[in-house]
């Protein structure tokens, strides 16, 4: 069900929105589990022609991990979504299927490096941070002017130890807003574990927020100065 990149349509007269997202935005969804978040947005918009939804897994492995994905993929395909498999969030900017594509929203819900150690273990936290930092670095280069990078993430211990805001600052992104996340705002969305024997199980999100980042003006100025020096 993998489709080619479709032309972006940004002139829909009737804007349709759900929370932070609208049908006239070019949206990249990264690390989708069973693609239920993408399907939720597409249903709200009545179209998915401006959306690209990706998973880290191959299509074959996805169906093993998430049997519920099939119905969502069919729905997305019917609404014109571009579906890409085997997209690594850390290096997606170099993926030839996404090269030179810019987006108004780049979204990663509940990033996770897999269950190697316990969540409070320093090594596990470092693995998570590597995923998040790689994603943020790639997303920075894929933003349209005025675009935002969104990460939805648990904020209670030990997840607060990931220090997502600091990771964003390191790659030139500034916090625009940190807003309470409720799954009920996205009808049909089922957050998934994504790994292990219970990969298709959902999990309680508890204290959770959506972090919204934009390019830092100070960082942009530093990059411009560096390029002038190297010229």
Protein backbone atom coordinates (compact mmCIF):
# COMPACT_ATOMS: atom_id res chain seq x y z
CA UNK A 1 0.00 0.00 0.00
CA UNK A 2 2.97 2.25 -0.43
CA UNK A 3 2.15 5.19 -2.65
CA UNK A 4 4.20 7.75 -4.48
CA UNK A 5 4.49 11.28 -3.12
CA UNK A 6 1.43 13.21 -4.28
CA UNK A 7 1.19 16.88 -5.17
CA UNK A 8 0.45 19.00 -2.13
CA UNK A 9 -2.86 20.87 -2.18
CA UNK A 10 -2.94 23.98 -0.01
CA UNK A 11 -5.85 25.90 -1.51
CA UNK A 12 -8.83 24.13 0.01
CA UNK A 13 -11.35 26.92 0.65
CA UNK A 14 -12.91 25.18 3.64
CA UNK A 15 -10.32 24.65 6.38
CA UNK A 16 -10.95 21.65 8.58
CA UNK A 17 -9.05 21.34 11.85
CA UNK A 18 -8.48 18.94 14.71
CA UNK A 19 -6.43 20.34 17.61
CA UNK A 20 -3.08 21.56 16.20
CA UNK A 21 -3.64 20.24 12.68
CA UNK A 22 -5.50 21.41 9.59
CA UNK A 23 -6.25 20.00 6.17
CA UNK A 24 -4.32 22.80 4.45
CA UNK A 25 -1.11 21.94 6.28
CA UNK A 26 1.51 19.66 4.80
CA UNK A 27 1.89 17.07 7.56
CA UNK A 28 4.56 14.40 8.05
CA UNK A 29 3.73 11.74 10.64
CA UNK A 30 6.72 9.75 11.86
CA UNK A 31 6.87 6.41 13.68
CA UNK A 32 3.20 5.55 13.27
CA UNK A 33 2.18 2.39 15.13
CA UNK A 34 -0.99 1.01 13.57
CA UNK A 35 -1.51 4.30 11.66
CA UNK A 36 -4.57 5.12 13.76
CA UNK A 37 -3.36 8.68 14.45
CA UNK A 38 -2.97 9.34 10.72
CA UNK A 39 -6.39 7.78 10.11
CA UNK A 40 -7.92 10.03 12.80
CA UNK A 41 -6.58 13.18 11.12
CA UNK A 42 -7.61 11.99 7.67
CA UNK A 43 -11.16 11.28 8.86
CA UNK A 44 -11.39 14.74 10.44
CA UNK A 45 -10.15 16.40 7.24
CA UNK A 46 -12.11 14.21 4.83
CA UNK A 47 -8.88 13.91 2.84
CA UNK A 48 -5.26 12.92 3.35
CA UNK A 49 -3.66 14.29 0.17
CA UNK A 50 -1.48 16.66 2.23
CA UNK A 51 -0.32 13.92 4.58
CA UNK A 52 2.69 11.61 4.55
CA UNK A 53 2.50 8.83 7.18
CA UNK A 54 5.53 6.63 7.90
CA UNK A 55 6.56 3.61 9.94
CA UNK A 56 9.96 2.25 10.90
CA UNK A 57 8.88 -1.30 10.10
CA UNK A 58 8.51 -2.90 6.70
CA UNK A 59 4.94 -3.46 5.60
CA UNK A 60 5.30 -7.19 6.30
CA UNK A 61 6.62 -6.68 9.84
CA UNK A 62 4.03 -3.98 10.49
CA UNK A 63 1.22 -6.45 9.83
CA UNK A 64 2.75 -8.88 12.33
CA UNK A 65 3.23 -6.24 15.02
CA UNK A 66 -0.01 -4.37 14.38
CA UNK A 67 -2.80 -6.47 12.83
CA UNK A 68 -5.10 -3.47 13.38
CA UNK A 69 -3.07 -1.43 10.90
CA UNK A 70 -4.62 -2.95 7.79
CA UNK A 71 -7.98 -1.18 8.09
CA UNK A 72 -6.28 2.15 8.82
CA UNK A 73 -3.95 1.81 5.84
CA UNK A 74 -6.88 1.04 3.54
CA UNK A 75 -8.71 4.11 4.83
CA UNK A 76 -5.64 6.31 4.36
CA UNK A 77 -4.96 4.96 0.90
CA UNK A 78 -8.56 5.71 -0.11
CA UNK A 79 -8.21 9.30 1.13
CA UNK A 80 -4.99 9.92 -0.79
CA UNK A 81 -2.35 9.63 1.93
CA UNK A 82 1.27 8.92 1.00
CA UNK A 83 2.31 5.86 3.03
CA UNK A 84 5.99 5.04 3.48
CA UNK A 85 7.51 2.09 5.33
CA UNK A 86 11.06 1.56 6.64
CA UNK A 87 11.58 5.24 7.42
CA UNK A 88 14.09 5.84 10.23
CA UNK A 89 13.15 8.97 12.20
CA UNK A 90 16.83 9.70 12.89
CA UNK A 91 17.85 9.79 9.22
CA UNK A 92 14.59 10.55 7.40
CA UNK A 93 15.98 13.75 5.92
CA UNK A 94 18.30 11.60 3.80
CA UNK A 95 15.56 9.21 2.67
CA UNK A 96 15.27 9.65 -1.14
CA UNK A 97 11.48 9.40 -0.86
CA UNK A 98 11.46 12.48 1.36
CA UNK A 99 14.43 14.42 0.05
CA UNK A 100 13.59 18.07 -0.73
CA UNK A 101 10.09 17.73 0.80
CA UNK A 102 9.13 20.44 3.31
CA UNK A 103 6.27 20.29 5.81
CA UNK A 104 4.22 22.60 8.00
CA UNK A 105 4.00 19.97 10.74
CA UNK A 106 6.41 17.12 11.50
CA UNK A 107 4.91 14.89 14.19
CA UNK A 108 6.30 12.04 16.30
CA UNK A 109 3.97 10.62 18.95
CA UNK A 110 5.56 8.71 21.81
CA UNK A 111 9.05 8.16 20.38
CA UNK A 112 10.70 5.06 21.82
CA UNK A 113 13.95 3.17 21.29
CA UNK A 114 12.53 -0.25 22.20
CA UNK A 115 12.62 -2.23 25.42
CA UNK A 116 16.32 -2.98 25.91
CA UNK A 117 16.61 -1.97 29.58
CA UNK A 118 14.14 -0.74 32.19
CA UNK A 119 12.73 2.71 31.52
CA UNK A 120 14.55 4.33 34.46
CA UNK A 121 17.92 2.85 33.46
CA UNK A 122 20.43 5.49 32.34
CA UNK A 123 21.38 3.46 29.26
CA UNK A 124 17.74 3.13 28.20
CA UNK A 125 17.20 6.87 28.64
CA UNK A 126 20.29 7.53 26.51
CA UNK A 127 18.90 5.26 23.76
CA UNK A 128 15.64 7.20 23.82
CA UNK A 129 17.48 10.52 23.70
CA UNK A 130 19.46 9.40 20.66
CA UNK A 131 16.21 8.64 18.81
CA UNK A 132 14.64 11.96 19.78
CA UNK A 133 17.70 14.05 18.99
CA UNK A 134 18.14 12.37 15.60
CA UNK A 135 14.48 12.98 14.81
CA UNK A 136 14.65 16.63 15.83
CA UNK A 137 17.80 17.21 13.79
CA UNK A 138 16.21 15.68 10.70
CA UNK A 139 12.88 17.45 11.26
CA UNK A 140 14.62 20.84 11.53
CA UNK A 141 15.76 20.56 7.92
CA UNK A 142 12.32 19.47 6.72
CA UNK A 143 10.28 22.43 8.01
CA UNK A 144 8.52 24.97 5.86
CA UNK A 145 8.87 28.60 6.94
CA UNK A 146 6.74 28.96 10.07
CA UNK A 147 6.49 25.19 10.47
CA UNK A 148 6.49 23.25 13.73
CA UNK A 149 7.91 19.98 15.04
CA UNK A 150 5.62 18.16 17.49
CA UNK A 151 6.57 15.47 20.00
CA UNK A 152 3.93 13.97 22.26
CA UNK A 153 5.57 12.41 25.28
CA UNK A 154 4.99 11.33 28.88
CA UNK A 155 6.24 13.92 31.34
CA UNK A 156 6.28 12.02 34.66
CA UNK A 157 9.38 10.20 36.00
CA UNK A 158 11.41 8.64 34.42
CA UNK A 159 10.31 10.11 31.10
CA UNK A 160 11.08 13.64 32.25
CA UNK A 161 14.73 12.56 32.32
CA UNK A 162 14.77 12.55 28.51
CA UNK A 163 14.99 16.38 28.65
CA UNK A 164 13.30 16.86 25.30
CA UNK A 165 13.42 20.66 25.47
CA UNK A 166 17.20 20.62 25.91
CA UNK A 167 17.59 18.18 23.01
CA UNK A 168 15.56 20.54 20.83
CA UNK A 169 17.70 23.52 21.80
CA UNK A 170 20.82 21.60 20.78
CA UNK A 171 19.60 21.31 17.19
CA UNK A 172 18.26 24.86 16.89
CA UNK A 173 14.61 24.47 17.88
CA UNK A 174 12.78 26.60 20.43
CA UNK A 175 9.71 25.66 22.45
CA UNK A 176 6.54 27.34 21.14
CA UNK A 177 4.15 25.63 23.54
CA UNK A 178 3.82 22.63 25.82
CA UNK A 179 0.19 21.52 25.92
CA UNK A 180 -1.61 18.82 27.86
CA UNK A 181 -2.29 15.79 25.66
CA UNK A 182 -5.54 13.84 25.80
CA UNK A 183 -6.12 10.85 23.56
CA UNK A 184 -9.83 11.68 23.59
CA UNK A 185 -9.10 14.71 21.41
CA UNK A 186 -8.24 12.26 18.62
CA UNK A 187 -11.17 9.86 18.11
CA UNK A 188 -10.02 6.44 16.97
CA UNK A 189 -6.37 6.95 17.91
CA UNK A 190 -4.80 4.02 19.78
CA UNK A 191 -1.26 4.58 21.02
CA UNK A 192 0.73 1.34 20.70
CA UNK A 193 3.69 -0.18 22.54
CA UNK A 194 5.25 -0.97 19.16
CA UNK A 195 7.82 -3.48 20.43
CA UNK A 196 8.03 -6.77 22.31
CA UNK A 197 5.48 -9.54 22.73
CA UNK A 198 2.64 -7.05 23.27
CA UNK A 199 3.55 -4.66 20.47
CA UNK A 200 -0.08 -4.00 19.50
CA UNK A 201 -1.21 -3.30 23.06
CA UNK A 202 -2.01 0.24 24.08
CA UNK A 203 -0.57 1.82 27.23
CA UNK A 204 -1.74 4.46 29.73
CA UNK A 205 -0.27 7.84 28.85
CA UNK A 206 -0.67 9.36 32.33
CA UNK A 207 0.89 12.81 32.58
CA UNK A 208 1.58 13.67 28.97
CA UNK A 209 2.15 16.74 26.81
CA UNK A 210 2.58 17.74 23.20
CA UNK A 211 5.79 19.74 22.81
CA UNK A 212 5.61 22.19 19.90
CA UNK A 213 8.90 23.47 18.52
CA UNK A 214 9.85 25.99 15.82
CA UNK A 215 13.20 27.06 14.41
CA UNK A 216 15.14 29.32 16.74
CA UNK A 217 15.82 32.76 15.28
CA UNK A 218 19.13 32.95 17.17
CA UNK A 219 20.19 29.61 15.71
CA UNK A 220 19.21 30.72 12.21
CA UNK A 221 21.34 33.82 12.63
CA UNK A 222 24.31 31.75 13.77
CA UNK A 223 23.98 29.46 10.74
CA UNK A 224 23.74 32.42 8.37
CA UNK A 225 26.87 33.97 9.92
CA UNK A 226 28.75 30.70 9.58
CA UNK A 227 27.81 30.36 5.92
CA UNK A 228 28.96 33.94 5.25
CA UNK A 229 32.32 33.23 6.88
CA UNK A 230 32.77 30.06 4.82
CA UNK A 231 31.80 31.82 1.58
